């Protein structure tokens, strides 16, 4: 079978393959190969036609010539298993940034092997390469295939079906977004007394890599020695540093917004070595009245733009605007204010809050709804072809690793957490995509029961697939909070890497690959 690879094909690849080059994409060790059909391969087209005729009730009648024409346009993909046809998908890339799946079918003897899922993934890869931003299809309302499409990332265009030529149809669509790998940002704001020990421990026992790629610190409220340690890991380890504004301290009443603004502007102007600079924000809490929230949202965005305009010109491209608010209108106001002022790096701080002083971010149903609204606001202009770049999105103050798997669907490109530090102080450790586990056999308000035994801990490690130098000795991780801290940091790094590996092509792939 003469084929063209769909996963990383470029215009140059296509021109070379037109002169006889042929490559195929294979899914792991399953033996399942997925490829774009070449029009000269009449044998595979005959097999596709035969499979389509087997599914005539579902797909309708299609001529052999229709499949040849699609192959000539490069819009026919097949899946083969040990050189036998396992399934096909025919699609079309339109001129309005949209693509349409015409038919998708799998061989009855090859079902339940991930064939249809891999075909959808291949179409996503191919139409993204061709410049599509939306993938659509229509399916007869009575078919069970309608249960499959949401599982691979499609959503219904309308809760109601629309009339077809012979029967009602359900319309589905999927956004096709650019790659958006995610990064863990280690919060060091509570690490003032621990950084020296953590640096020494990592350099003595850690790998050649660093425990985290980025960190976030609040420089106006961090002592000078700790800032020296942060500068050290920036210069020696290559850790990228985010300067946070200190909006939390305004929220806590330790400084007013009017006091913060000039102090922060002066500090930024004299410290140009950070990689990101968070603009000042006036954080609304769950305890504020509606009018107070309105005021704080307006101050955050409008004054944030003024702050940005007063920053040194070489720092402005590194500025990050904070999205605050409790409603879609608030988020829209912040987003439009920042983007209209040329600030494409954004952070979401609109979590609900708890704790005695509203100091804990809570990932509530309301917070999730705000993130869904924000996703629509971010992706809408891109999908409509009104812009070529999606703004980056940072999530502030996330604690539990159990939440991470949901972040790609919100288009997050980074998140920060101090949980890796704080939970270790209470004798707790994290494991990938699980809630914290206590290993010290103590009990406190923030511990998890009476603690895990060594056997239970290593069973959990095996189940979650985690291993690191700092948890190999159970007695050590039980007694040494610095070992627990670095273990937790590596768990966050590991989870983020797994999500990126599972979803290499960004948010759309995150849905398709789930």
Protein backbone atom coordinates (compact mmCIF):
# COMPACT_ATOMS: atom_id res chain seq x y z
CA UNK A 1 0.00 0.00 0.00
CA UNK A 2 1.41 3.38 -1.00
CA UNK A 3 0.77 5.87 1.80
CA UNK A 4 1.60 9.28 3.21
CA UNK A 5 2.30 9.75 6.90
CA UNK A 6 -0.32 11.86 8.68
CA UNK A 7 1.33 12.75 11.96
CA UNK A 8 4.17 15.04 10.97
CA UNK A 9 3.76 15.50 7.22
CA UNK A 10 4.76 18.87 5.77
CA UNK A 11 4.47 20.37 2.32
CA UNK A 12 8.00 19.15 1.64
CA UNK A 13 7.04 15.63 2.75
CA UNK A 14 4.09 15.65 0.38
CA UNK A 15 6.18 16.76 -2.58
CA UNK A 16 8.82 14.11 -1.89
CA UNK A 17 6.21 11.39 -1.49
CA UNK A 18 4.67 12.41 -4.78
CA UNK A 19 7.97 11.22 -6.28
CA UNK A 20 7.59 7.78 -4.67
CA UNK A 21 8.28 8.34 -0.93
CA UNK A 22 5.84 6.46 1.34
CA UNK A 23 5.61 6.45 5.13
CA UNK A 24 3.08 5.12 7.62
CA UNK A 25 2.17 6.13 11.19
CA UNK A 26 1.96 3.23 13.64
CA UNK A 27 0.21 3.26 17.02
CA UNK A 28 2.69 1.92 19.55
CA UNK A 29 3.23 -1.83 19.45
CA UNK A 30 -0.36 -2.68 18.51
CA UNK A 31 0.43 -3.18 14.84
CA UNK A 32 -2.24 -0.66 13.89
CA UNK A 33 -1.02 1.57 11.05
CA UNK A 34 -2.79 4.75 9.96
CA UNK A 35 -2.05 6.51 6.68
CA UNK A 36 -3.41 8.84 4.02
CA UNK A 37 -4.34 6.87 0.92
CA UNK A 38 -2.60 7.56 -2.38
CA UNK A 39 -4.91 7.59 -5.43
CA UNK A 40 -2.79 4.96 -7.24
CA UNK A 41 -3.53 2.34 -4.60
CA UNK A 42 -6.60 0.84 -6.21
CA UNK A 43 -6.56 -2.31 -4.08
CA UNK A 44 -7.06 -0.41 -0.83
CA UNK A 45 -9.75 1.76 -2.44
CA UNK A 46 -11.59 -1.43 -3.47
CA UNK A 47 -11.37 -2.64 0.14
CA UNK A 48 -12.68 0.71 1.41
CA UNK A 49 -15.57 0.56 -1.03
CA UNK A 50 -16.43 -2.98 0.13
CA UNK A 51 -16.35 -1.90 3.80
CA UNK A 52 -18.54 1.12 3.03
CA UNK A 53 -21.06 -1.16 1.29
CA UNK A 54 -21.17 -3.32 4.43
CA UNK A 55 -22.30 -0.21 6.31
CA UNK A 56 -24.66 1.16 3.65
CA UNK A 57 -27.53 1.44 6.13
CA UNK A 58 -25.45 3.73 8.33
CA UNK A 59 -23.38 5.56 5.68
CA UNK A 60 -25.62 5.56 2.64
CA UNK A 61 -24.43 4.71 -0.86
CA UNK A 62 -21.10 6.04 -2.14
CA UNK A 63 -19.48 5.36 -5.48
CA UNK A 64 -15.97 4.03 -5.89
CA UNK A 65 -15.12 7.23 -7.76
CA UNK A 66 -15.99 9.31 -4.67
CA UNK A 67 -13.25 7.52 -2.72
CA UNK A 68 -10.77 7.94 -5.60
CA UNK A 69 -11.51 11.67 -5.73
CA UNK A 70 -10.99 12.01 -1.96
CA UNK A 71 -7.72 10.10 -2.24
CA UNK A 72 -6.56 12.51 -4.95
CA UNK A 73 -7.19 15.42 -2.55
CA UNK A 74 -5.39 13.61 0.29
CA UNK A 75 -8.65 13.39 2.24
CA UNK A 76 -8.95 9.63 2.76
CA UNK A 77 -7.26 7.90 5.70
CA UNK A 78 -7.12 4.18 6.39
CA UNK A 79 -6.20 2.07 9.38
CA UNK A 80 -4.63 -1.32 8.71
CA UNK A 81 -3.86 -4.15 11.07
CA UNK A 82 -1.30 -6.64 9.78
CA UNK A 83 -1.87 -5.23 6.26
CA UNK A 84 -5.63 -5.88 6.40
CA UNK A 85 -8.07 -2.97 6.27
CA UNK A 86 -9.32 -2.19 9.78
CA UNK A 87 -11.19 1.04 9.05
CA UNK A 88 -11.29 4.25 7.06
CA UNK A 89 -12.34 7.87 7.38
CA UNK A 90 -13.15 10.26 4.53
CA UNK A 91 -13.08 14.00 5.20
CA UNK A 92 -12.86 17.39 3.50
CA UNK A 93 -10.99 20.56 4.45
CA UNK A 94 -13.04 23.62 3.55
CA UNK A 95 -11.89 27.17 2.89
CA UNK A 96 -13.51 28.65 6.03
CA UNK A 97 -11.08 27.09 8.55
CA UNK A 98 -13.47 24.14 9.00
CA UNK A 99 -13.19 20.47 8.07
CA UNK A 100 -15.93 17.85 7.80
CA UNK A 101 -15.85 14.11 8.34
CA UNK A 102 -18.00 12.50 5.64
CA UNK A 103 -17.79 8.86 6.73
CA UNK A 104 -15.93 6.81 9.30
CA UNK A 105 -16.22 3.04 9.57
CA UNK A 106 -14.35 0.11 11.12
CA UNK A 107 -14.28 -3.52 10.11
CA UNK A 108 -16.70 -5.58 12.25
CA UNK A 109 -13.88 -8.00 13.16
CA UNK A 110 -11.58 -5.13 14.25
CA UNK A 111 -13.88 -3.35 16.67
CA UNK A 112 -13.02 -2.62 20.31
CA UNK A 113 -9.35 -2.21 19.38
CA UNK A 114 -9.17 1.59 19.29
CA UNK A 115 -9.37 1.78 15.49
CA UNK A 116 -12.05 4.48 15.32
CA UNK A 117 -10.33 6.54 18.00
CA UNK A 118 -7.04 6.39 16.12
CA UNK A 119 -8.75 7.38 12.88
CA UNK A 120 -10.25 10.44 14.56
CA UNK A 121 -6.82 11.33 15.97
CA UNK A 122 -5.34 11.00 12.48
CA UNK A 123 -7.97 13.30 11.00
CA UNK A 124 -7.30 15.87 13.74
CA UNK A 125 -3.58 15.73 13.00
CA UNK A 126 -4.11 16.05 9.26
CA UNK A 127 -6.67 18.86 9.25
CA UNK A 128 -4.61 20.82 11.76
CA UNK A 129 -1.69 20.54 9.35
CA UNK A 130 -3.99 21.83 6.61
CA UNK A 131 -5.06 24.84 8.71
CA UNK A 132 -8.51 23.79 9.91
CA UNK A 133 -9.75 25.10 13.26
CA UNK A 134 -13.01 23.17 13.58
CA UNK A 135 -13.87 19.55 12.74
CA UNK A 136 -17.52 18.73 12.14
CA UNK A 137 -19.70 15.74 11.30
CA UNK A 138 -23.36 14.70 11.19
CA UNK A 139 -24.60 11.31 12.36
CA UNK A 140 -28.06 9.73 12.04
CA UNK A 141 -29.78 10.22 15.38
CA UNK A 142 -30.62 6.54 15.91
CA UNK A 143 -27.04 5.23 15.57
CA UNK A 144 -25.02 4.12 18.60
CA UNK A 145 -22.01 5.97 17.13
CA UNK A 146 -23.43 9.08 18.80
CA UNK A 147 -22.18 7.63 22.09
CA UNK A 148 -18.64 7.43 20.68
CA UNK A 149 -18.17 11.00 19.49
CA UNK A 150 -18.23 12.78 22.87
CA UNK A 151 -15.71 10.23 24.15
CA UNK A 152 -13.17 11.42 21.56
CA UNK A 153 -13.66 15.15 22.01
CA UNK A 154 -16.71 16.14 19.98
CA UNK A 155 -19.58 18.16 21.43
CA UNK A 156 -23.08 18.58 20.09
CA UNK A 157 -23.77 21.71 18.09
CA UNK A 158 -27.38 21.73 19.34
CA UNK A 159 -29.34 19.63 21.85
CA UNK A 160 -31.82 18.96 19.05
CA UNK A 161 -31.31 16.97 15.88
CA UNK A 162 -31.81 18.57 12.48
CA UNK A 163 -33.75 17.10 9.54
CA UNK A 164 -31.68 15.11 7.06
CA UNK A 165 -32.62 13.90 3.58
CA UNK A 166 -34.04 10.66 4.95
CA UNK A 167 -33.72 10.79 8.77
CA UNK A 168 -32.84 13.21 11.58
CA UNK A 169 -29.17 13.96 12.12
CA UNK A 170 -27.16 14.94 15.21
CA UNK A 171 -24.44 17.51 14.46
CA UNK A 172 -21.08 17.28 16.22
CA UNK A 173 -18.04 19.56 16.26
CA UNK A 174 -14.56 19.64 17.79
CA UNK A 175 -12.20 22.62 18.10
CA UNK A 176 -8.80 22.11 16.46
CA UNK A 177 -6.34 24.08 18.54
CA UNK A 178 -2.56 24.56 18.34
CA UNK A 179 -0.30 22.55 20.68
CA UNK A 180 -0.47 23.80 24.28
CA UNK A 181 1.97 21.87 26.48
CA UNK A 182 1.59 22.58 30.19
CA UNK A 183 4.26 23.48 32.76
CA UNK A 184 4.38 23.02 36.53
CA UNK A 185 5.49 26.22 38.31
CA UNK A 186 6.78 25.56 41.81
CA UNK A 187 5.62 28.19 44.28
CA UNK A 188 8.51 29.19 46.52
CA UNK A 189 6.67 31.89 48.45
CA UNK A 190 6.52 29.69 51.54
CA UNK A 191 10.00 28.23 51.12
CA UNK A 192 12.10 30.99 52.68
CA UNK A 193 13.62 28.75 55.35
CA UNK A 194 13.86 25.65 53.19
CA UNK A 195 15.48 26.69 49.93
CA UNK A 196 19.08 26.32 51.10
CA UNK A 197 18.44 22.74 52.28
CA UNK A 198 16.47 21.82 49.17
CA UNK A 199 19.18 23.15 46.85
CA UNK A 200 21.88 21.21 48.68
CA UNK A 201 19.83 18.00 48.76
CA UNK A 202 19.02 18.18 45.06
CA UNK A 203 22.61 18.88 44.05
CA UNK A 204 23.80 15.97 46.20
CA UNK A 205 21.20 13.39 45.20
CA UNK A 206 19.02 14.67 42.38
CA UNK A 207 19.41 13.88 38.70
CA UNK A 208 21.17 16.07 36.20
CA UNK A 209 17.80 17.61 35.42
CA UNK A 210 16.14 20.18 37.69
CA UNK A 211 13.19 19.35 39.97
CA UNK A 212 11.00 21.97 38.23
CA UNK A 213 11.30 24.09 35.10
CA UNK A 214 9.72 27.24 36.51
CA UNK A 215 9.12 28.77 39.92
CA UNK A 216 7.08 31.69 41.21
CA UNK A 217 8.09 34.06 44.00
CA UNK A 218 6.62 37.26 45.45
CA UNK A 219 9.76 39.44 45.59
CA UNK A 220 8.31 42.35 47.59
CA UNK A 221 7.39 39.98 50.41
CA UNK A 222 10.39 37.62 50.29
CA UNK A 223 13.56 38.12 52.30
CA UNK A 224 16.81 38.94 50.53
CA UNK A 225 18.53 35.63 51.28
CA UNK A 226 15.69 33.65 49.75
CA UNK A 227 15.80 35.85 46.66
CA UNK A 228 19.51 35.04 46.39
CA UNK A 229 18.65 31.33 46.40
CA UNK A 230 16.06 31.90 43.70
CA UNK A 231 18.59 33.81 41.62
CA UNK A 232 21.01 30.90 42.12
CA UNK A 233 18.64 28.26 40.71
CA UNK A 234 17.77 30.65 37.89
CA UNK A 235 21.42 31.16 36.94
CA UNK A 236 22.81 27.69 37.73
CA UNK A 237 19.88 25.34 37.06
CA UNK A 238 18.16 27.32 34.33
CA UNK A 239 14.88 27.58 36.28
CA UNK A 240 12.66 30.26 34.77
CA UNK A 241 11.37 32.67 37.41
CA UNK A 242 7.95 34.31 37.66
CA UNK A 243 7.68 37.44 39.80
CA UNK A 244 4.24 37.50 41.41
CA UNK A 245 2.74 40.89 42.19
CA UNK A 246 1.67 40.34 45.79
CA UNK A 247 -2.06 40.73 45.19
CA UNK A 248 -2.59 38.11 47.88
CA UNK A 249 -1.13 40.50 50.45
CA UNK A 250 -3.53 43.21 49.32
CA UNK A 251 -6.31 40.69 49.81
CA UNK A 252 -4.99 39.96 53.32
CA UNK A 253 -4.88 43.66 54.22
CA UNK A 254 -1.10 43.73 54.71
CA UNK A 255 -0.69 46.40 52.05
CA UNK A 256 -3.11 48.54 50.06
CA UNK A 257 -3.32 48.39 46.29
CA UNK A 258 -2.25 52.04 46.10
CA UNK A 259 0.86 51.20 48.13
CA UNK A 260 1.65 48.09 46.10
CA UNK A 261 1.49 49.74 42.67
CA UNK A 262 4.54 52.09 42.90
CA UNK A 263 6.65 49.68 44.97
CA UNK A 264 6.13 46.88 42.49
CA UNK A 265 6.79 49.09 39.48
CA UNK A 266 10.07 50.25 41.01
CA UNK A 267 11.15 46.69 41.86
CA UNK A 268 10.40 45.39 38.39
CA UNK A 269 12.30 48.28 36.81
CA UNK A 270 15.43 47.41 38.82
CA UNK A 271 15.24 43.61 38.43
CA UNK A 272 15.09 42.58 34.80
CA UNK A 273 16.28 38.97 35.22
CA UNK A 274 12.89 37.30 35.72
CA UNK A 275 11.12 35.55 32.86
CA UNK A 276 7.56 36.70 33.72
CA UNK A 277 6.18 39.71 35.58
CA UNK A 278 2.67 39.46 37.02
CA UNK A 279 0.75 42.71 36.86
CA UNK A 280 -0.81 43.95 40.13
CA UNK A 281 -4.30 42.65 40.85
CA UNK A 282 -6.98 43.53 43.39
CA UNK A 283 -8.25 40.09 44.38
CA UNK A 284 -12.00 39.72 45.01
CA UNK A 285 -12.95 37.03 47.51
CA UNK A 286 -16.05 34.99 48.16
CA UNK A 287 -16.82 37.37 51.04
CA UNK A 288 -17.00 40.55 48.94
CA UNK A 289 -20.32 42.07 47.90
CA UNK A 290 -21.24 42.28 44.22
CA UNK A 291 -20.32 45.97 44.05
CA UNK A 292 -16.98 45.31 45.74
CA UNK A 293 -16.20 42.54 43.24
CA UNK A 294 -17.10 44.86 40.34
CA UNK A 295 -14.74 47.52 41.66
CA UNK A 296 -11.85 45.11 42.20
CA UNK A 297 -12.23 43.60 38.74
CA UNK A 298 -12.19 47.04 37.11
CA UNK A 299 -9.13 48.11 39.12
CA UNK A 300 -7.30 44.86 38.31
CA UNK A 301 -7.67 45.22 34.53
CA UNK A 302 -7.67 48.98 33.98
CA UNK A 303 -4.88 49.79 36.43
CA UNK A 304 -2.99 46.69 35.30
CA UNK A 305 -2.82 48.14 31.78
CA UNK A 306 -1.56 51.46 33.15
CA UNK A 307 1.10 49.56 35.11
CA UNK A 308 2.09 47.65 31.96
CA UNK A 309 2.48 50.88 30.00
CA UNK A 310 4.83 52.27 32.66
CA UNK A 311 7.07 49.19 32.74
CA UNK A 312 10.43 49.35 30.93
CA UNK A 313 9.83 48.52 27.28
CA UNK A 314 12.01 45.39 27.39
CA UNK A 315 9.89 43.93 30.23
CA UNK A 316 6.46 44.51 28.69
CA UNK A 317 6.51 41.37 26.48
CA UNK A 318 7.03 39.36 29.68
CA UNK A 319 4.05 40.85 31.53
CA UNK A 320 1.20 38.61 32.67
CA UNK A 321 -2.27 40.06 33.26
CA UNK A 322 -4.51 38.52 35.92
CA UNK A 323 -8.11 37.64 35.10
CA UNK A 324 -10.35 38.26 38.09
CA UNK A 325 -14.08 38.19 38.67
CA UNK A 326 -17.08 36.07 39.53
CA UNK A 327 -19.04 36.33 36.27
CA UNK A 328 -18.63 35.92 32.53
CA UNK A 329 -18.89 39.71 32.15
CA UNK A 330 -15.99 40.21 34.58
CA UNK A 331 -13.76 37.74 32.76
CA UNK A 332 -14.68 39.19 29.38
CA UNK A 333 -13.85 42.70 30.58
CA UNK A 334 -10.42 41.63 31.85
CA UNK A 335 -9.65 39.58 28.76
CA UNK A 336 -10.61 42.29 26.28
CA UNK A 337 -8.78 44.96 28.30
CA UNK A 338 -5.53 42.99 28.33
CA UNK A 339 -5.64 41.72 24.76
CA UNK A 340 -6.63 45.16 23.51
CA UNK A 341 -3.47 46.51 25.14
CA UNK A 342 -1.18 43.88 23.64
CA UNK A 343 -0.85 41.65 26.72
CA UNK A 344 -1.14 38.03 25.45
CA UNK A 345 0.02 36.26 28.63
CA UNK A 346 -2.82 35.76 31.08
CA UNK A 347 -3.40 34.19 34.48
CA UNK A 348 -6.62 32.97 36.05
CA UNK A 349 -7.04 33.93 39.70
CA UNK A 350 -10.81 33.71 39.99
CA UNK A 351 -11.05 30.69 42.23
CA UNK A 352 -13.39 30.68 45.17
CA UNK A 353 -11.63 31.08 48.49
CA UNK A 354 -11.78 29.51 51.92
CA UNK A 355 -9.87 29.48 55.18
CA UNK A 356 -9.89 31.89 58.10
CA UNK A 357 -8.54 34.75 55.98
CA UNK A 358 -9.82 33.52 52.58
CA UNK A 359 -6.25 32.43 51.89
CA UNK A 360 -7.00 29.07 50.25
CA UNK A 361 -8.05 28.74 46.61
CA UNK A 362 -10.93 26.29 46.17
CA UNK A 363 -11.62 24.47 42.91
CA UNK A 364 -15.40 24.59 43.21
CA UNK A 365 -18.14 23.97 40.65
CA UNK A 366 -18.37 27.76 40.25
CA UNK A 367 -14.63 28.00 39.58
CA UNK A 368 -14.93 25.26 36.98
CA UNK A 369 -17.80 27.11 35.30
CA UNK A 370 -15.70 30.28 35.14
CA UNK A 371 -12.90 28.35 33.49
CA UNK A 372 -15.34 26.91 30.96
CA UNK A 373 -16.52 30.45 30.17
CA UNK A 374 -12.91 31.59 29.85
CA UNK A 375 -12.12 28.73 27.50
CA UNK A 376 -14.95 29.83 25.21
CA UNK A 377 -13.76 33.43 25.33
CA UNK A 378 -10.19 32.42 24.52
CA UNK A 379 -10.83 29.91 21.76
CA UNK A 380 -13.78 31.64 20.05
CA UNK A 381 -11.84 34.26 18.05
CA UNK A 382 -9.20 31.69 17.09
CA UNK A 383 -11.75 29.15 15.85
CA UNK A 384 -13.52 31.86 13.87
CA UNK A 385 -10.26 32.78 12.15
CA UNK A 386 -10.07 36.20 13.79
CA UNK A 387 -6.58 35.61 15.18
CA UNK A 388 -3.63 33.27 14.73
CA UNK A 389 -2.44 33.04 18.34
CA UNK A 390 -4.11 31.74 21.49
CA UNK A 391 -3.03 33.61 24.65
CA UNK A 392 -1.14 31.57 27.22
CA UNK A 393 -3.09 30.82 30.42
CA UNK A 394 -1.64 30.31 33.89
CA UNK A 395 -3.70 28.96 36.80
CA UNK A 396 -2.74 30.54 40.12
CA UNK A 397 -2.57 28.67 43.42
CA UNK A 398 -3.56 25.11 42.57
CA UNK A 399 -2.97 22.62 45.35
CA UNK A 400 -4.00 19.05 44.68
CA UNK A 401 -2.47 16.87 41.94
CA UNK A 402 -5.83 15.11 41.66
CA UNK A 403 -7.05 18.19 39.72
CA UNK A 404 -4.35 18.26 37.06
CA UNK A 405 -5.99 15.93 34.56
CA UNK A 406 -8.79 18.47 34.04
CA UNK A 407 -6.48 21.40 33.21
CA UNK A 408 -5.88 20.72 29.48
CA UNK A 409 -9.56 21.08 28.70
CA UNK A 410 -9.42 24.61 30.16
CA UNK A 411 -6.51 25.48 27.80
CA UNK A 412 -4.10 25.96 30.71
CA UNK A 413 -0.44 26.26 29.72
CA UNK A 414 0.92 26.42 33.28
CA UNK A 415 -0.13 26.25 36.92
CA UNK A 416 1.57 26.95 40.23
CA UNK A 417 1.29 25.17 43.55
CA UNK A 418 2.83 25.45 46.99
CA UNK A 419 1.19 22.18 48.00
CA UNK A 420 4.38 20.22 47.28
CA UNK A 421 6.03 22.15 50.12
CA UNK A 422 3.21 22.65 52.58
CA UNK A 423 1.77 19.15 52.60
CA UNK A 424 5.24 17.69 53.21
CA UNK A 425 5.41 19.62 56.47
CA UNK A 426 2.39 17.69 57.71
CA UNK A 427 3.91 14.33 56.89
CA UNK A 428 2.08 13.94 53.58
CA UNK A 429 3.27 12.99 50.13
CA UNK A 430 1.67 13.10 46.71
CA UNK A 431 1.47 10.36 44.12
CA UNK A 432 0.52 10.93 40.46
CA UNK A 433 -3.11 11.96 40.05
CA UNK A 434 -3.99 10.89 43.59
CA UNK A 435 -4.77 12.89 46.71
CA UNK A 436 -2.13 13.25 49.40
CA UNK A 437 -1.03 10.27 51.51
CA UNK A 438 0.33 10.48 55.03
CA UNK A 439 3.55 8.56 55.69
CA UNK A 440 4.56 9.74 59.16
CA UNK A 441 1.95 7.79 61.14
CA UNK A 442 0.98 11.03 62.84
CA UNK A 443 -2.36 12.72 62.88
CA UNK A 444 -3.17 16.37 62.29
CA UNK A 445 -5.88 18.45 60.73
CA UNK A 446 -4.08 18.27 57.38
CA UNK A 447 -2.88 14.67 57.48
CA UNK A 448 -4.66 11.73 55.95
CA UNK A 449 -5.52 9.34 58.76
CA UNK A 450 -2.86 7.42 60.62
CA UNK A 451 -0.50 7.02 57.70
CA UNK A 452 0.53 4.40 55.19
CA UNK A 453 2.76 1.44 55.93
CA UNK A 454 5.82 0.89 53.76
CA UNK A 455 4.06 -1.92 51.90
CA UNK A 456 0.97 0.19 51.22
CA UNK A 457 3.09 3.15 50.11
CA UNK A 458 5.13 1.17 47.60
CA UNK A 459 2.00 -0.54 46.32
CA UNK A 460 0.57 2.92 45.65
CA UNK A 461 3.84 3.95 43.98
CA UNK A 462 3.69 0.90 41.71
CA UNK A 463 0.04 1.52 40.88
CA UNK A 464 0.68 5.18 39.99
CA UNK A 465 3.97 4.43 38.21
CA UNK A 466 6.11 6.68 40.38
CA UNK A 467 9.73 6.21 41.42
CA UNK A 468 12.29 8.78 42.53
CA UNK A 469 15.53 8.93 44.56
CA UNK A 470 13.79 10.55 47.52
CA UNK A 471 11.23 7.83 48.24
CA UNK A 472 13.30 4.68 47.77
CA UNK A 473 14.00 4.52 51.51
CA UNK A 474 10.65 4.57 53.31
CA UNK A 475 12.15 5.33 56.71
CA UNK A 476 13.82 8.37 55.21
CA UNK A 477 10.76 9.80 53.51
CA UNK A 478 8.81 9.18 56.70
CA UNK A 479 11.29 11.24 58.77
CA UNK A 480 12.82 13.76 56.32
CA UNK A 481 10.46 16.52 55.21
CA UNK A 482 12.98 17.82 52.66
CA UNK A 483 12.97 14.42 50.97
CA UNK A 484 9.15 14.59 50.97
CA UNK A 485 9.27 18.06 49.43
CA UNK A 486 11.47 17.04 46.52
CA UNK A 487 9.48 13.83 46.08
CA UNK A 488 6.32 15.94 45.80
CA UNK A 489 7.93 18.36 43.32
CA UNK A 490 8.96 15.44 41.13
CA UNK A 491 5.42 14.04 41.28
CA UNK A 492 4.06 17.34 39.94
CA UNK A 493 6.72 17.39 37.22
CA UNK A 494 5.98 13.77 36.35
CA UNK A 495 2.23 14.31 36.13
CA UNK A 496 2.67 17.31 33.87
CA UNK A 497 5.00 15.35 31.59
CA UNK A 498 2.49 12.50 31.38
CA UNK A 499 -0.31 14.87 30.42
CA UNK A 500 1.88 16.45 27.75
CA UNK A 501 2.96 13.05 26.42
CA UNK A 502 -0.63 11.86 26.27
CA UNK A 503 -1.76 15.08 24.58
CA UNK A 504 1.14 16.13 22.34
CA UNK A 505 -1.06 18.18 20.05
CA UNK A 506 -2.69 20.39 22.63
CA UNK A 507 -6.24 20.76 23.82
CA UNK A 508 -7.92 18.97 20.93
CA UNK A 509 -5.63 16.01 21.36
CA UNK A 510 -6.32 16.04 25.08
CA UNK A 511 -9.93 15.28 24.31
CA UNK A 512 -9.21 12.81 21.54
CA UNK A 513 -6.61 10.90 23.51
CA UNK A 514 -8.68 10.58 26.68
